[in-house]
Protein backbone atom coordinates (compact mmCIF):
# COMPACT_ATOMS: atom_id res chain seq x y z
CA MET A 1 -10.73 -2.01 20.04
CA ARG A 2 -14.41 -2.90 20.22
CA GLY A 3 -15.42 0.68 19.39
CA PRO A 4 -13.50 0.99 16.08
CA LEU A 5 -14.31 -2.60 15.11
CA ARG A 6 -18.03 -2.49 15.96
CA PRO A 7 -19.20 -1.41 12.46
CA PHE A 8 -17.23 -4.29 10.91
CA LEU A 9 -18.86 -6.79 13.24
CA GLN A 10 -22.36 -5.43 12.60
CA ASP A 11 -22.26 -4.97 8.81
CA PRO A 12 -21.61 -8.00 6.54
CA ALA A 13 -20.13 -5.90 3.72
CA LEU A 14 -17.78 -4.09 6.08
CA GLY A 15 -16.94 -7.44 7.68
CA LEU A 16 -16.06 -8.81 4.24
CA SER A 17 -13.86 -5.82 3.45
CA ALA A 18 -12.04 -6.34 6.75
CA ALA A 19 -11.61 -10.09 6.15
CA LEU A 20 -10.26 -9.51 2.64
CA MET A 21 -8.00 -6.74 3.89
CA LEU A 22 -6.69 -9.11 6.56
CA LEU A 23 -5.84 -11.68 3.89
CA PHE A 24 -4.28 -9.06 1.63
CA GLY A 25 -2.30 -7.67 4.56
CA SER A 26 -1.03 -11.17 5.33
CA TYR A 27 -0.03 -11.56 1.68
CA ALA A 28 1.81 -8.22 1.71
CA ALA A 29 3.53 -9.04 5.01
CA THR A 30 4.68 -12.34 3.52
CA MET A 31 5.94 -10.99 0.19
CA ALA A 32 6.82 -7.29 0.41
CA PRO A 33 9.80 -7.38 2.82
CA TYR A 34 11.54 -10.13 0.84
CA THR A 35 10.83 -9.35 -2.82
CA SER A 36 13.88 -7.13 -3.29
CA ALA A 37 16.15 -9.65 -1.59
CA LEU A 38 14.64 -12.47 -3.69
CA ALA A 39 15.19 -10.47 -6.88
CA VAL A 40 18.86 -9.81 -6.17
CA THR A 41 20.05 -12.82 -4.15
CA VAL A 42 17.87 -15.65 -5.48
CA PHE A 43 16.88 -14.72 -9.03
CA GLY A 44 20.16 -12.94 -9.81
CA LEU A 45 18.85 -9.55 -10.94
CA SER A 46 21.13 -6.55 -10.66
CA GLU A 47 19.94 -3.57 -8.65
CA ARG A 48 19.39 -1.57 -11.86
CA ALA A 49 17.47 -4.44 -13.46
CA TYR A 50 15.22 -4.70 -10.42
CA SER A 51 14.65 -0.94 -10.56
CA LEU A 52 13.45 -1.42 -14.16
CA VAL A 53 11.09 -4.20 -13.03
CA LEU A 54 9.67 -1.81 -10.42
CA VAL A 55 9.06 0.89 -13.04
CA VAL A 56 7.32 -1.49 -15.47
CA ALA A 57 5.25 -3.00 -12.66
CA SER A 58 4.16 0.43 -11.50
CA THR A 59 3.13 1.46 -15.02
CA VAL A 60 1.06 -1.70 -15.50
CA ALA A 61 -0.46 -1.42 -12.02
CA VAL A 62 -1.57 2.17 -12.39
CA SER A 63 -2.89 1.70 -15.93
CA SER A 64 -5.03 -1.24 -14.87
CA SER A 65 -6.11 0.39 -11.62
CA VAL A 66 -7.21 3.61 -13.32
CA GLY A 67 -9.01 1.71 -16.06
CA LEU A 68 -10.71 -0.66 -13.65
CA GLY A 69 -11.63 2.18 -11.31
CA ILE A 70 -13.30 4.08 -14.14
CA LEU A 71 -15.12 0.93 -15.28
CA ALA A 72 -16.29 0.28 -11.73
CA ASP A 73 -17.91 3.72 -11.61
CA GLN A 74 -19.28 3.48 -15.15
CA ARG A 75 -20.84 0.03 -14.83
CA ALA A 76 -21.00 -0.55 -11.05
CA ASN A 77 -19.44 -3.99 -11.63
CA ARG A 78 -17.19 -4.06 -8.59
CA ARG A 79 -17.58 -7.79 -7.93
CA GLY A 80 -16.17 -8.75 -11.34
CA ILE A 81 -13.21 -6.43 -10.88
CA ALA A 82 -12.47 -7.90 -7.44
CA LEU A 83 -12.53 -11.44 -8.87
CA PHE A 84 -10.23 -10.49 -11.77
CA SER A 85 -7.75 -8.86 -9.40
CA GLY A 86 -7.71 -11.87 -7.09
CA ALA A 87 -7.18 -14.21 -10.05
CA MET A 88 -4.14 -12.22 -11.23
CA LEU A 89 -2.68 -12.34 -7.74
CA ALA A 90 -2.99 -16.13 -7.65
CA LEU A 91 -1.73 -16.57 -11.23
CA GLY A 92 1.43 -14.56 -10.62
CA GLN A 93 2.27 -16.43 -7.44
CA GLY A 94 1.54 -19.77 -9.07
CA LEU A 95 3.81 -19.04 -12.05
CA ILE A 96 6.82 -18.23 -9.88
CA LEU A 97 6.19 -21.19 -7.57
CA SER A 98 5.76 -23.70 -10.41
CA THR A 99 8.90 -22.71 -12.33
CA GLY A 100 11.28 -21.03 -9.88
CA ALA A 101 12.90 -19.39 -12.90
CA PRO A 102 14.19 -15.80 -13.17
CA TRP A 103 12.06 -15.19 -16.29
CA ALA A 104 8.94 -16.21 -14.36
CA PHE A 105 9.84 -13.83 -11.53
CA VAL A 106 10.30 -10.94 -13.98
CA LEU A 107 7.12 -11.76 -15.96
CA ALA A 108 4.98 -12.17 -12.85
CA SER A 109 6.44 -9.20 -10.97
CA ALA A 110 6.39 -6.79 -13.92
CA LEU A 111 3.17 -7.78 -15.74
CA ILE A 112 0.87 -10.26 -13.98
CA LEU A 113 0.92 -9.34 -10.30
CA PRO A 114 0.55 -5.60 -11.05
CA LEU A 115 -2.81 -6.39 -12.70
CA SER A 116 -4.04 -7.11 -9.16
CA GLY A 117 -3.04 -3.60 -8.12
CA SER A 118 -6.64 -2.38 -7.87
CA ILE A 119 -7.34 -4.69 -4.90
CA PHE A 120 -6.39 -2.15 -2.26
CA GLY A 121 -8.41 0.67 -3.76
CA GLN A 122 -11.43 -1.52 -4.47
CA LEU A 123 -11.56 -2.70 -0.87
CA PHE A 124 -11.63 0.90 0.29
CA ALA A 125 -14.28 1.64 -2.34
CA LEU A 126 -16.41 -1.24 -0.99
CA SER A 127 -16.04 -0.04 2.58
CA ARG A 128 -16.80 3.55 1.59
CA LEU A 129 -20.00 2.50 -0.17
CA ALA A 130 -21.06 0.23 2.70
CA ALA A 131 -20.27 2.97 5.23
CA SER A 132 -22.61 5.35 3.38
CA THR A 133 -25.51 3.61 5.13
CA ARG A 134 -24.07 4.38 8.57
CA PRO A 135 -23.97 7.65 10.54
CA GLU A 136 -21.67 10.20 8.95
CA ALA A 137 -19.66 10.60 12.15
CA GLU A 138 -18.54 6.95 11.94
CA ARG A 139 -17.20 7.07 8.39
CA PRO A 140 -13.68 8.50 8.93
CA ALA A 141 -13.10 5.97 11.70
CA ILE A 142 -14.18 3.11 9.40
CA GLN A 143 -11.58 4.04 6.78
CA ALA A 144 -8.78 4.45 9.33
CA THR A 145 -9.70 1.18 11.04
CA LEU A 146 -9.71 -0.69 7.72
CA ARG A 147 -6.17 0.52 7.05
CA ALA A 148 -5.21 -0.66 10.54
CA VAL A 149 -6.63 -4.10 9.66
CA PHE A 150 -4.17 -4.21 6.75
CA ALA A 151 -1.30 -3.54 9.17
CA LEU A 152 -2.48 -6.02 11.79
CA PRO A 153 -1.11 -9.21 10.11
CA TRP A 154 2.38 -7.75 10.18
CA VAL A 155 2.28 -8.13 13.96
CA VAL A 156 1.74 -11.88 13.68
CA VAL A 157 3.04 -12.95 10.27
CA LEU A 158 6.47 -11.36 10.34
CA PRO A 159 7.56 -12.68 13.75
CA ILE A 160 6.59 -16.14 12.48
CA TRP A 161 8.76 -15.63 9.40
CA SER A 162 11.58 -14.46 11.66
CA VAL A 163 11.50 -17.80 13.48
CA VAL A 164 11.19 -19.74 10.21
CA PHE A 165 14.20 -18.05 8.62
CA GLN A 166 16.21 -18.30 11.80
CA GLY A 167 15.72 -22.05 11.47
CA GLY A 168 17.44 -21.97 8.07
CA ALA A 169 14.46 -22.00 5.68
CA SER A 170 14.95 -20.74 2.12
CA LEU A 171 13.46 -17.39 1.12
CA MET A 172 11.51 -19.23 -1.61
CA ILE A 173 9.21 -20.65 1.06
CA VAL A 174 7.21 -17.41 0.94
CA TYR A 175 5.74 -18.34 -2.46
CA PRO A 176 3.51 -21.29 -1.48
CA VAL A 177 2.19 -19.25 1.45
CA GLY A 178 1.58 -16.27 -0.83
CA LEU A 179 -0.31 -18.50 -3.28
CA ALA A 180 -2.51 -19.91 -0.50
CA LEU A 181 -3.39 -16.40 0.68
CA ALA A 182 -4.17 -15.28 -2.88
CA LEU A 183 -6.47 -18.27 -3.40
CA GLY A 184 -8.15 -17.50 -0.08
CA PHE A 185 -8.80 -13.94 -1.22
CA LEU A 186 -10.22 -15.14 -4.53
CA GLY A 187 -12.47 -17.73 -2.87
CA LEU A 188 -13.83 -15.36 -0.26
CA SER A 189 -14.57 -12.75 -2.91
CA TRP A 190 -16.39 -15.32 -5.05
CA LEU A 191 -18.55 -16.45 -2.16
CA PHE A 192 -19.41 -13.22 -0.38
CA TRP A 193 -18.70 -10.10 -2.46
CA PRO A 194 -22.09 -8.36 -2.95
CA ARG A 195 -23.68 -9.02 -6.32
CA ASP A 196 -23.57 -6.04 -8.65
CA GLY A 197 -26.90 -4.21 -8.66
CA ALA A 198 -28.15 -5.94 -5.52
CA THR A 199 -26.42 -3.92 -2.80
CA ARG A 200 -28.06 -2.28 0.23
CA TRP A 201 -26.50 1.06 -0.68
CA PRO A 202 -26.97 3.15 -3.82
CA ASP A 203 -24.20 2.60 -6.37
CA PRO A 204 -25.34 4.54 -9.44
CA LYS A 205 -23.35 4.46 -12.65
CA SER A 206 -21.25 7.57 -13.07
CA GLY A 207 -22.77 8.55 -16.42
CA LEU A 208 -19.33 9.71 -17.59
CA SER A 209 -17.57 8.41 -20.68
CA PHE A 210 -14.08 6.99 -20.34
CA ARG A 211 -12.64 10.20 -21.79
CA GLN A 212 -14.67 12.37 -19.44
CA SER A 213 -13.55 10.30 -16.47
CA LEU A 214 -9.91 10.60 -17.52
CA ARG A 215 -10.34 14.35 -17.96
CA GLU A 216 -11.77 14.62 -14.46
CA ILE A 217 -8.95 12.58 -12.95
CA GLY A 218 -6.39 14.54 -15.00
CA HIS A 219 -7.58 17.99 -13.86
CA PRO A 220 -4.41 20.00 -13.08
CA ALA A 221 -5.55 20.82 -9.54
CA VAL A 222 -6.14 17.13 -8.85
CA LEU A 223 -2.95 15.87 -10.51
CA ALA A 224 -0.81 18.42 -8.68
CA ARG A 225 -2.01 17.06 -5.36
CA VAL A 226 -1.58 13.45 -6.44
CA LEU A 227 2.00 14.20 -7.52
CA ALA A 228 2.71 15.95 -4.23
CA LEU A 229 1.55 12.83 -2.37
CA GLY A 230 3.56 10.54 -4.66
CA PRO A 231 6.84 10.85 -2.74
CA VAL A 232 4.93 10.21 0.50
CA HIS A 233 3.85 6.82 -0.83
CA GLY A 234 7.30 6.35 -2.37
CA SER A 235 8.93 6.64 1.04
CA VAL A 236 6.96 3.61 2.24
CA MET A 237 7.94 1.61 -0.85
CA LEU A 238 11.56 2.67 -0.48
CA TYR A 239 11.52 1.49 3.14
CA MET A 240 10.34 -1.95 1.93
CA VAL A 241 13.08 -2.10 -0.69
CA VAL A 242 15.88 -0.84 1.54
CA LEU A 243 14.95 -2.86 4.64
CA GLY A 244 15.54 -6.29 3.13
CA LEU A 245 18.74 -5.30 1.31
CA VAL A 246 20.28 -3.37 4.21
CA PHE A 247 19.67 -6.05 6.82
CA THR A 248 20.79 -8.95 4.60
CA ALA A 249 23.98 -7.02 3.72
CA THR A 250 24.77 -6.07 7.34
CA PRO A 251 27.07 -8.46 9.23
CA GLY A 252 25.24 -10.14 12.07
CA ARG A 253 21.79 -9.50 10.60
CA GLY A 254 19.64 -11.43 8.16
CA ALA A 255 16.16 -12.35 7.00
CA GLN A 256 15.00 -12.96 10.57
CA ASP A 257 15.85 -9.36 11.47
CA VAL A 258 13.92 -8.12 8.43
CA ALA A 259 10.84 -9.97 9.65
CA LEU A 260 11.26 -8.83 13.24
CA TYR A 261 11.79 -5.16 12.37
CA ALA A 262 8.90 -4.98 9.89
CA GLY A 263 6.66 -6.92 12.28
CA LEU A 264 7.39 -4.62 15.20
CA LEU A 265 6.89 -1.53 13.07
CA GLY A 266 3.56 -2.81 11.77
CA GLY A 267 2.49 -3.84 15.24
CA VAL A 268 3.19 -0.45 16.78
CA GLU A 269 1.46 1.28 13.84
CA VAL A 270 -1.86 -0.44 14.58
CA PRO A 271 -2.73 1.26 17.91
CA PHE A 272 -1.70 4.64 16.49
CA MET A 273 -4.01 4.06 13.49
CA LEU A 274 -6.88 3.08 15.76
CA ALA A 275 -6.32 6.24 17.80
CA LEU A 276 -6.36 8.54 14.76
CA PRO A 277 -10.18 8.91 14.62
CA ARG A 278 -9.96 10.69 17.97
CA ILE A 279 -8.01 13.57 16.41
CA ILE A 280 -9.35 13.53 12.82
CA GLY A 281 -11.40 16.67 12.41
CA ARG A 282 -9.60 18.48 15.19
CA LEU A 283 -6.43 19.05 13.14
CA PRO A 284 -6.09 19.91 9.43
CA ARG A 285 -5.44 16.73 7.44
CA GLN A 286 -2.64 18.36 5.44
CA GLY A 287 -0.84 19.40 8.63
CA MET A 288 -1.18 15.87 9.98
CA ILE A 289 0.40 14.53 6.77
CA VAL A 290 3.38 16.90 7.09
CA ALA A 291 3.98 15.97 10.74
CA GLY A 292 3.60 12.27 10.01
CA MET A 293 5.99 12.47 7.07
CA VAL A 294 8.68 14.20 9.13
CA LEU A 295 8.53 11.38 11.69
CA TYR A 296 8.60 8.71 8.98
CA ALA A 297 11.53 10.44 7.25
CA ILE A 298 13.58 10.15 10.45
CA HIS A 299 12.89 6.40 10.43
CA LEU A 300 13.70 5.93 6.72
CA ALA A 301 16.87 8.01 6.64
CA GLY A 302 18.17 6.46 9.85
CA LEU A 303 17.62 2.84 8.84
CA PRO A 304 20.80 2.24 6.77
CA LEU A 305 22.85 4.52 9.03
CA LEU A 306 22.01 2.63 12.23
CA ALA A 307 21.54 -0.90 10.86
CA GLU A 308 24.75 -2.19 12.46
CA THR A 309 23.85 -0.80 15.87
CA PRO A 310 21.19 -1.67 18.44
CA PHE A 311 19.88 1.90 18.08
CA VAL A 312 18.19 0.89 14.82
CA TRP A 313 15.32 -0.57 16.86
CA ALA A 314 14.61 2.89 18.32
CA LEU A 315 13.58 4.02 14.84
CA ILE A 316 10.45 1.88 15.11
CA LEU A 317 8.63 4.46 17.25
CA PRO A 318 8.89 7.48 14.91
CA GLY A 319 8.37 5.14 11.96
CA ALA A 320 5.16 3.76 13.45
CA MET A 321 3.80 7.15 14.51
CA GLY A 322 4.52 8.66 11.13
CA GLY A 323 3.37 5.58 9.24
CA ALA A 324 0.00 5.58 11.00
CA VAL A 325 -0.65 9.00 9.47
CA ILE A 326 0.86 8.71 5.98
CA LEU A 327 -0.70 5.29 5.39
CA THR A 328 -4.24 6.48 6.17
CA GLN A 329 -4.70 10.20 5.64
CA PRO A 330 -3.49 10.55 2.03
CA MET A 331 -5.98 7.84 0.98
CA ALA A 332 -8.88 9.60 2.68
CA TYR A 333 -7.73 12.90 1.17
CA LEU A 334 -7.70 11.46 -2.37
CA GLN A 335 -11.08 9.77 -1.93
CA ASP A 336 -12.58 13.07 -0.82
CA LEU A 337 -11.25 14.77 -3.96
CA MET A 338 -13.49 12.51 -6.07
CA GLY A 339 -16.58 12.90 -3.90
CA THR A 340 -19.20 10.26 -4.68
CA ARG A 341 -17.14 8.24 -7.19
CA PRO A 342 -15.21 5.65 -5.16
CA GLY A 343 -13.79 4.02 -8.28
CA ALA A 344 -12.24 7.32 -9.35
CA GLY A 345 -10.93 7.75 -5.81
CA ALA A 346 -9.29 4.34 -6.12
CA SER A 347 -7.80 5.50 -9.43
CA LEU A 348 -6.23 8.49 -7.70
CA MET A 349 -4.75 6.15 -5.14
CA ALA A 350 -3.28 4.17 -8.04
CA LEU A 351 -1.84 7.34 -9.59
CA GLN A 352 -0.30 8.23 -6.25
CA LYS A 353 1.19 4.74 -6.16
CA LEU A 354 2.60 5.16 -9.68
CA ALA A 355 4.21 8.45 -8.78
CA GLY A 356 5.51 6.97 -5.55
CA ASP A 357 6.84 3.78 -7.15
CA ALA A 358 8.55 5.73 -9.92
CA ILE A 359 10.16 8.04 -7.38
CA CYS A 360 11.12 5.02 -5.27
CA ALA A 361 12.70 3.24 -8.25
CA GLY A 362 14.51 6.35 -9.48
CA THR A 363 15.73 7.30 -6.02
CA PHE A 364 16.89 3.76 -5.33
CA ALA A 365 18.75 3.49 -8.65
CA LEU A 366 20.39 6.92 -8.41
CA GLY A 367 21.20 6.75 -4.71
CA THR A 368 22.75 3.27 -4.86
CA TRP A 369 24.70 4.21 -8.01
CA ILE A 370 26.22 7.30 -6.39
CA ALA A 371 26.80 6.25 -2.79
CA GLY A 372 24.73 3.25 -1.69
CA TYR A 373 21.63 2.59 0.38
CA GLU A 374 22.33 5.46 2.78
CA LEU A 375 22.00 8.12 0.08
CA ALA A 376 18.96 6.42 -1.47
CA ALA A 377 17.13 6.46 1.88
CA LEU A 378 18.13 10.07 2.61
CA MET A 379 16.99 11.26 -0.83
CA GLY A 380 13.67 9.44 -0.51
CA ALA A 381 13.04 10.92 2.94
CA GLY A 382 13.83 14.45 1.76
CA LEU A 383 11.60 14.22 -1.32
CA ALA A 384 8.71 12.87 0.75
CA VAL A 385 8.86 15.71 3.26
CA ALA A 386 9.02 18.19 0.37
CA GLY A 387 5.93 16.62 -1.20
CA ALA A 388 3.94 16.79 2.04
CA VAL A 389 4.89 20.44 2.53
CA ALA A 390 3.92 21.20 -1.09
CA LEU A 391 0.46 19.69 -0.53
CA TRP A 392 -0.01 21.79 2.60
CA ALA A 393 1.09 24.94 0.71
CA MET A 394 -1.28 24.28 -2.21
CA ASP A 395 -4.28 23.79 0.05
CA ARG A 396 -3.49 26.93 2.03
CA ARG A 397 -3.87 28.95 -1.16
CA ALA A 398 -6.84 27.30 -2.84
CA ASP A 399 -9.77 24.90 -2.64
CA PRO A 400 -8.49 21.44 -3.75
CA LEU A 401 -11.34 21.19 -6.25
CA ALA A 402 -10.99 24.69 -7.64
C-alpha cells in the first residue's frame, strides 16, 4: 500500500483530503447502515414516509451541492464551503441527539444533513487540484486511492458496531459517535484546509455566471450521461437501505449481522480499489463500469433472497469486486466531463446522486408495495445494469462532450 499512499504522505493537501475522507468514511460507516432501521423501528416512520424523506433529502442535497460547486468555481472559496458543510453535518447530528424526537429525525435527515452533501465532491475537488502539481501518470491512482480511503473505515468501524450491538446496545448509540466524527471533520477543516487564494496550485475563478454554469452542467450530452449513471449510484444506496431492513427482519439475524456484512464488504472492496490503477488506461472506463455493475447487481439482487442462508456471505465477493469499480470510475468519468472545473465536476456527482437517490426511493417504495424487499432489490439491480449499458452505448456513438 505504500505505492498508492505515497502521494498522500508527501503532500499536506492530499494528506488532509485523506484524513477528512477517513473521518467522513467513519461517519458514513456509523450512520448509513442503520438509518433506515432507525427511521422505521425507532422513530416510527412507515416505509412510504421514509421514502418521502429520502426524496426530499436528495433534492436538498443536490440543490445545495450544485449551487456550492458553482460558487466554488466562481469564487475559488473552497475552504468556506467545506466549513459550512461540516457545520451542517454536526448540527443535524446534534439536533437528533439532543431531542431524540421523530420530528427532529425528519427535519435533520430531510433538510439539515443534506446541506452537507457537497462534502464528498469537495474532497475530491481538493485532491484533484492538489494532484495537478504532481506527475500526470499519478493522478488517476490518487483519485482511486482516495475513494479507497473512504471505504477503509468500514473494515474497522462496522465490526466494532457488530460487537457493540451484540452486547445489547440501542441503535441510538450511533448518534453521539456520529456527532463526534462530524465535529472532528469541522475542526480539522478549520485548522488545515488551505486558505482561499493562497494555494500551491492554480485555482482560477471560472469566469462563468451562475446561469452559464447551469447551462454548461445542463447540456443534453452531459445530462444524458449523468442520468445513465444515476441508477448505478442508486444501486449502492438501495443496498444500504435494504441491508439493514432485510437483516433486522430475518429470524436469527440482527444489527450485528448488518455491521459484519457491511464491514466485510467494505474491507474486501479496499484492496480491489487499490489495484484498479494497475488496469485503468488499459481497459475502456465505460466497459469497466458495465462489468462492475453486473457483479454488483448479483450481490444486490441476491441479498434478500439469500439472507436466511449462510450463502448470503458469498455475495460479498462479487459485491466488493463490482463496488470497487462503480464507486470509483463513475466519479472520475464525471470529473473528466467538466475538465478544469472541479466544482462543476462535484456538481455532476451531486446530480448523479440525486438521480440515484430518486431511483432508489422510487424503486424501494414500488418494490416493497408490490412484493417486498426481494422485488425492490431486483428492480434496482436491473435498472443499474441498464444504465451502465446505456452509458457504454452512448460513448460508442459519440464524444461525451460533443
